[in-house]
Amino acid sequence: MIPSIISKIFNTKEKNMNTLLDCHKGCRVKVKKIDANYDLKQRLISFGVMKGAEIAVLEHAPKKKTIEIKVGKMRLALRDAEAAMIEVEEI
């Protein structure tokens, strides 16, 4: 609560975002951490979603049940539960 009050007082934005699910359409982010089980983590890595990778959010499905992202030249659709496991920061 205090950081949000400070950002309002000084009119600054917090650069860090929590997860990929929190990102809006058109947002570009960098992966900080993948907090998933081994199998899911390996699947995401095989698609290029790994620590340090840059991701562009292309679209959200209704009610944010799925999210379409672009990693390099590849486009992926992730479930909301999977996107919630990927910690990111805005670039």
C-alpha atoms as a PDB file:
ATOM      1  CA  MET A   1       0.000   0.000   0.000  1.00  0.00           C
ATOM      2  CA  ILE A   2       2.780   2.430   0.864  1.00  0.00           C
ATOM      3  CA  PRO A   3       4.542   2.115  -2.551  1.00  0.00           C
ATOM      4  CA  SER A   4       1.270   2.924  -4.339  1.00  0.00           C
ATOM      5  CA  ILE A   5       0.789   5.993  -2.148  1.00  0.00           C
ATOM      6  CA  ILE A   6       4.363   7.106  -2.827  1.00  0.00           C
ATOM      7  CA  SER A   7       3.917   6.602  -6.572  1.00  0.00           C
ATOM      8  CA  LYS A   8       0.750   8.740  -6.461  1.00  0.00           C
ATOM      9  CA  ILE A   9       2.482  11.478  -4.468  1.00  0.00           C
ATOM     10  CA  PHE A  10       5.513  11.640  -6.741  1.00  0.00           C
ATOM     11  CA  ASN A  11       3.500  10.837  -9.902  1.00  0.00           C
ATOM     12  CA  THR A  12       5.673   7.856 -10.835  1.00  0.00           C
ATOM     13  CA  LYS A  13       4.709   4.468 -12.177  1.00  0.00           C
ATOM     14  CA  GLU A  14       5.944   1.204 -10.818  1.00  0.00           C
ATOM     15  CA  LYS A  15       7.867  -0.508 -13.606  1.00  0.00           C
ATOM     16  CA  ASN A  16       7.500  -4.061 -12.309  1.00  0.00           C
ATOM     17  CA  MET A  17       4.460  -6.165 -13.096  1.00  0.00           C
ATOM     18  CA  ASN A  18       3.540  -9.312 -11.301  1.00  0.00           C
ATOM     19  CA  THR A  19       2.626 -11.967 -13.853  1.00  0.00           C
ATOM     20  CA  LEU A  20       1.962 -12.336 -17.537  1.00  0.00           C
ATOM     21  CA  LEU A  21      -1.750 -12.540 -16.750  1.00  0.00           C
ATOM     22  CA  ASP A  22      -1.631  -8.954 -15.392  1.00  0.00           C
ATOM     23  CA  CYS A  23      -0.360  -7.557 -18.705  1.00  0.00           C
ATOM     24  CA  HIS A  24      -2.654  -5.707 -21.067  1.00  0.00           C
ATOM     25  CA  LYS A  25      -2.910  -6.038 -24.841  1.00  0.00           C
ATOM     26  CA  GLY A  26       0.105  -4.520 -26.607  1.00  0.00           C
ATOM     27  CA  CYS A  27       2.350  -4.786 -23.551  1.00  0.00           C
ATOM     28  CA  ARG A  28       5.999  -5.860 -23.968  1.00  0.00           C
ATOM     29  CA  VAL A  29       7.590  -7.638 -21.027  1.00  0.00           C
ATOM     30  CA  LYS A  30      10.671  -9.580 -20.005  1.00  0.00           C
ATOM     31  CA  VAL A  31      10.442 -12.899 -18.140  1.00  0.00           C
ATOM     32  CA  LYS A  32      11.901 -12.801 -14.626  1.00  0.00           C
ATOM     33  CA  LYS A  33      10.903 -16.239 -13.359  1.00  0.00           C
ATOM     34  CA  ILE A  34       8.768 -19.250 -14.261  1.00  0.00           C
ATOM     35  CA  ASP A  35       7.104 -20.672 -11.172  1.00  0.00           C
ATOM     36  CA  ALA A  36       5.755 -23.930 -12.635  1.00  0.00           C
ATOM     37  CA  ASN A  37       6.284 -27.674 -12.300  1.00  0.00           C
ATOM     38  CA  TYR A  38       9.112 -29.330 -14.223  1.00  0.00           C
ATOM     39  CA  ASP A  39       7.044 -30.567 -17.187  1.00  0.00           C
ATOM     40  CA  LEU A  40       5.315 -27.247 -17.824  1.00  0.00           C
ATOM     41  CA  LYS A  41       8.556 -25.334 -17.402  1.00  0.00           C
ATOM     42  CA  GLN A  42      10.287 -27.561 -19.977  1.00  0.00           C
ATOM     43  CA  ARG A  43       7.386 -27.142 -22.408  1.00  0.00           C
ATOM     44  CA  LEU A  44       7.515 -23.349 -22.074  1.00  0.00           C
ATOM     45  CA  ILE A  45      11.295 -23.338 -22.522  1.00  0.00           C
ATOM     46  CA  SER A  46      10.925 -25.417 -25.716  1.00  0.00           C
ATOM     47  CA  PHE A  47       8.714 -22.617 -27.082  1.00  0.00           C
ATOM     48  CA  GLY A  48      11.223 -19.932 -26.073  1.00  0.00           C
ATOM     49  CA  VAL A  49       9.525 -18.739 -22.881  1.00  0.00           C
ATOM     50  CA  MET A  50      12.459 -18.649 -20.463  1.00  0.00           C
ATOM     51  CA  LYS A  51      14.159 -16.260 -18.066  1.00  0.00           C
ATOM     52  CA  GLY A  52      15.215 -13.135 -19.940  1.00  0.00           C
ATOM     53  CA  ALA A  53      12.947 -13.753 -22.962  1.00  0.00           C
ATOM     54  CA  GLU A  54      11.006 -10.791 -24.338  1.00  0.00           C
ATOM     55  CA  ILE A  55       7.277 -11.366 -24.791  1.00  0.00           C
ATOM     56  CA  ALA A  56       4.650  -9.273 -26.563  1.00  0.00           C
ATOM     57  CA  VAL A  57       1.038  -9.671 -25.426  1.00  0.00           C
ATOM     58  CA  LEU A  58      -1.130  -9.847 -28.538  1.00  0.00           C
ATOM     59  CA  GLU A  59      -4.637 -10.597 -27.281  1.00  0.00           C
ATOM     60  CA  HIS A  60      -6.759 -11.655 -24.318  1.00  0.00           C
ATOM     61  CA  ALA A  61      -9.729 -13.964 -24.712  1.00  0.00           C
ATOM     62  CA  PRO A  62     -13.000 -12.964 -23.053  1.00  0.00           C
ATOM     63  CA  LYS A  63     -12.745 -13.042 -19.255  1.00  0.00           C
ATOM     64  CA  LYS A  64      -8.952 -13.527 -19.605  1.00  0.00           C
ATOM     65  CA  LYS A  65      -9.232 -17.319 -19.800  1.00  0.00           C
ATOM     66  CA  THR A  66      -6.459 -17.438 -22.422  1.00  0.00           C
ATOM     67  CA  ILE A  67      -3.770 -15.019 -23.524  1.00  0.00           C
ATOM     68  CA  GLU A  68      -2.045 -14.911 -26.902  1.00  0.00           C
ATOM     69  CA  ILE A  69       1.639 -13.986 -26.786  1.00  0.00           C
ATOM     70  CA  LYS A  70       4.519 -13.653 -29.215  1.00  0.00           C
ATOM     71  CA  VAL A  71       8.009 -14.900 -28.362  1.00  0.00           C
ATOM     72  CA  GLY A  72      10.475 -14.274 -31.161  1.00  0.00           C
ATOM     73  CA  LYS A  73       8.640 -15.406 -34.312  1.00  0.00           C
ATOM     74  CA  MET A  74       6.401 -17.872 -32.472  1.00  0.00           C
ATOM     75  CA  ARG A  75       2.845 -17.168 -31.320  1.00  0.00           C
ATOM     76  CA  LEU A  76       1.448 -19.067 -28.348  1.00  0.00           C
ATOM     77  CA  ALA A  77      -1.855 -19.257 -26.528  1.00  0.00           C
ATOM     78  CA  LEU A  78      -1.560 -19.857 -22.784  1.00  0.00           C
ATOM     79  CA  ARG A  79      -4.269 -20.687 -20.276  1.00  0.00           C
ATOM     80  CA  ASP A  80      -4.789 -18.180 -17.486  1.00  0.00           C
ATOM     81  CA  ALA A  81      -3.289 -20.590 -14.926  1.00  0.00           C
ATOM     82  CA  GLU A  82      -0.128 -20.971 -17.014  1.00  0.00           C
ATOM     83  CA  ALA A  83       0.219 -17.226 -17.588  1.00  0.00           C
ATOM     84  CA  ALA A  84      -0.166 -16.624 -13.852  1.00  0.00           C
ATOM     85  CA  MET A  85       2.956 -18.753 -13.227  1.00  0.00           C
ATOM     86  CA  ILE A  86       5.196 -16.509 -15.354  1.00  0.00           C
ATOM     87  CA  GLU A  87       6.612 -13.534 -13.450  1.00  0.00           C
ATOM     88  CA  VAL A  88       7.489 -10.623 -15.721  1.00  0.00           C
ATOM     89  CA  GLU A  89       8.680  -7.020 -15.698  1.00  0.00           C
ATOM     90  CA  GLU A  90       7.788  -4.325 -18.202  1.00  0.00           C
ATOM     91  CA  ILE A  91      10.479  -3.211 -20.649  1.00  0.00           C
END
